[in-house]
Amino acid sequence: MSKVQLRLEDVWFTVCEAARLTPGRGVAALLPDGRQAAVFADRAGRTYAIDNRDPFTGAYVLSRGLIGSAPDGRPYVASPLLKQRFDLETGLCLDDESVSVATYSTK
C-alpha cells in the first residue's frame, strides 16, 4: 500500500495510507512535535500538506476545508470558518497576502 509522508526537517514522517485520503477533502495529522498538519489529495492524486491552524481564528480546522483551484490554476483550501483561501503549494492566503501558513513537502 502507498503511504503519504511529510518532510519534517531531515526525515520523512508517515501520515497515513494514501487510500485514506478522499480527493477534495483533508485529514488532520498530529506531528511528532505536537503541531498539526492538514493533508489533502486532489482529484489527480497529488498530495499537499499545510499547517492545520487557521491564522485568522486560531482554530485547528483547515483540514476540514474544501479544496479548489484559483482562476490561474493554483490549488487552494478554503477555511471552513471565515472562508479565506490558502494556496496549498506556498501557504499564502489568497485573500490577504500578509498572512500565510506553513507548508510541508509530501510524497
Protein backbone atom coordinates (compact mmCIF):
# COMPACT_ATOMS: atom_id res chain seq x y z
CA MET A 1 0.00 0.00 0.00
CA SER A 2 1.09 3.51 -0.82
CA LYS A 3 1.72 5.82 2.13
CA VAL A 4 1.50 9.61 2.40
CA GLN A 5 4.59 11.13 4.00
CA LEU A 6 5.55 14.67 5.07
CA ARG A 7 9.08 16.04 5.11
CA LEU A 8 9.97 17.17 8.64
CA GLU A 9 13.45 18.69 8.63
CA ASP A 10 15.68 15.77 7.59
CA VAL A 11 13.21 12.88 7.83
CA TRP A 12 10.01 11.68 6.16
CA PHE A 13 7.08 11.21 8.57
CA THR A 14 4.35 8.73 7.57
CA VAL A 15 0.87 10.24 7.97
CA CYS A 16 -1.47 7.57 6.62
CA GLU A 17 -2.24 5.19 3.79
CA ALA A 18 -2.94 7.09 0.57
CA ALA A 19 -6.27 5.27 0.26
CA ARG A 20 -7.49 7.06 3.42
CA LEU A 21 -7.46 10.41 1.62
CA THR A 22 -10.65 11.40 -0.20
CA PRO A 23 -9.91 13.67 -3.15
CA GLY A 24 -11.06 17.20 -2.38
CA ARG A 25 -11.15 16.68 1.39
CA GLY A 26 -8.50 16.77 4.09
CA VAL A 27 -7.34 14.90 7.17
CA ALA A 28 -5.60 16.25 10.25
CA ALA A 29 -2.29 14.69 11.28
CA LEU A 30 -0.60 15.08 14.64
CA LEU A 31 3.14 15.61 14.11
CA PRO A 32 5.83 14.32 16.50
CA ASP A 33 6.47 17.82 17.90
CA GLY A 34 2.77 18.38 18.73
CA ARG A 35 1.93 20.55 15.71
CA GLN A 36 -0.92 19.59 13.38
CA ALA A 37 -0.83 19.35 9.60
CA ALA A 38 -3.79 19.38 7.22
CA VAL A 39 -3.17 16.82 4.46
CA PHE A 40 -5.06 16.82 1.15
CA ALA A 41 -5.23 14.88 -2.10
CA ASP A 42 -6.61 16.39 -5.28
CA ARG A 43 -8.51 14.52 -7.97
CA ALA A 44 -5.27 13.94 -9.90
CA GLY A 45 -3.74 12.17 -6.88
CA ARG A 46 -1.31 14.96 -5.92
CA THR A 47 -0.88 15.43 -2.18
CA TYR A 48 -0.41 18.66 -0.23
CA ALA A 49 0.15 19.49 3.42
CA ILE A 50 -0.15 22.78 5.28
CA ASP A 51 -0.43 23.83 8.91
CA ASN A 52 -3.88 22.88 10.25
CA ARG A 53 -4.23 26.10 12.31
CA ASP A 54 -6.34 28.84 10.74
CA PRO A 55 -4.30 32.01 11.41
CA PHE A 56 -7.44 34.20 11.38
CA THR A 57 -9.27 32.35 14.17
CA GLY A 58 -6.58 30.22 15.86
CA ALA A 59 -8.76 27.12 15.41
CA TYR A 60 -7.26 23.88 14.08
CA VAL A 61 -9.73 23.44 11.22
CA LEU A 62 -8.04 23.83 7.83
CA SER A 63 -8.16 20.05 7.33
CA ARG A 64 -11.97 20.40 7.22
CA GLY A 65 -11.87 22.93 4.38
CA LEU A 66 -12.63 22.10 0.76
CA ILE A 67 -10.00 22.36 -1.93
CA GLY A 68 -10.46 24.14 -5.21
CA SER A 69 -8.48 25.93 -7.91
CA ALA A 70 -7.91 29.66 -8.31
CA PRO A 71 -8.50 31.15 -11.80
CA ASP A 72 -4.77 30.75 -12.51
CA GLY A 73 -4.96 27.05 -11.61
CA ARG A 74 -3.30 27.26 -8.19
CA PRO A 75 -4.78 24.71 -5.75
CA TYR A 76 -6.16 26.14 -2.51
CA VAL A 77 -8.12 25.17 0.58
CA ALA A 78 -10.89 27.42 1.88
CA SER A 79 -11.12 27.66 5.65
CA PRO A 80 -14.43 26.22 6.88
CA LEU A 81 -14.84 29.16 9.29
CA LEU A 82 -14.24 32.51 7.56
CA LYS A 83 -13.65 31.11 4.05
CA GLN A 84 -10.16 32.58 3.48
CA ARG A 85 -8.34 30.59 0.80
CA PHE A 86 -4.79 29.28 1.34
CA ASP A 87 -2.54 28.27 -1.56
CA LEU A 88 -1.67 24.59 -0.99
CA GLU A 89 1.77 24.96 -2.62
CA THR A 90 3.00 28.17 -0.94
CA GLY A 91 0.74 28.58 2.12
CA LEU A 92 -0.04 32.18 1.10
CA CYS A 93 -3.54 33.45 1.86
CA LEU A 94 -5.11 34.34 -1.49
CA ASP A 95 -7.46 36.81 0.22
CA ASP A 96 -4.87 38.61 2.39
CA GLU A 97 -1.28 38.26 1.16
CA SER A 98 0.10 39.48 4.51
CA VAL A 99 -0.96 36.12 6.03
CA SER A 100 0.35 32.62 5.32
CA VAL A 101 0.56 29.14 6.84
CA ALA A 102 3.45 26.68 6.87
CA THR A 103 3.64 24.11 4.07
CA TYR A 104 5.21 20.66 4.01
CA SER A 105 6.70 18.68 1.16
CA THR A 106 4.80 15.45 0.57
CA LYS A 107 5.35 12.15 -1.23
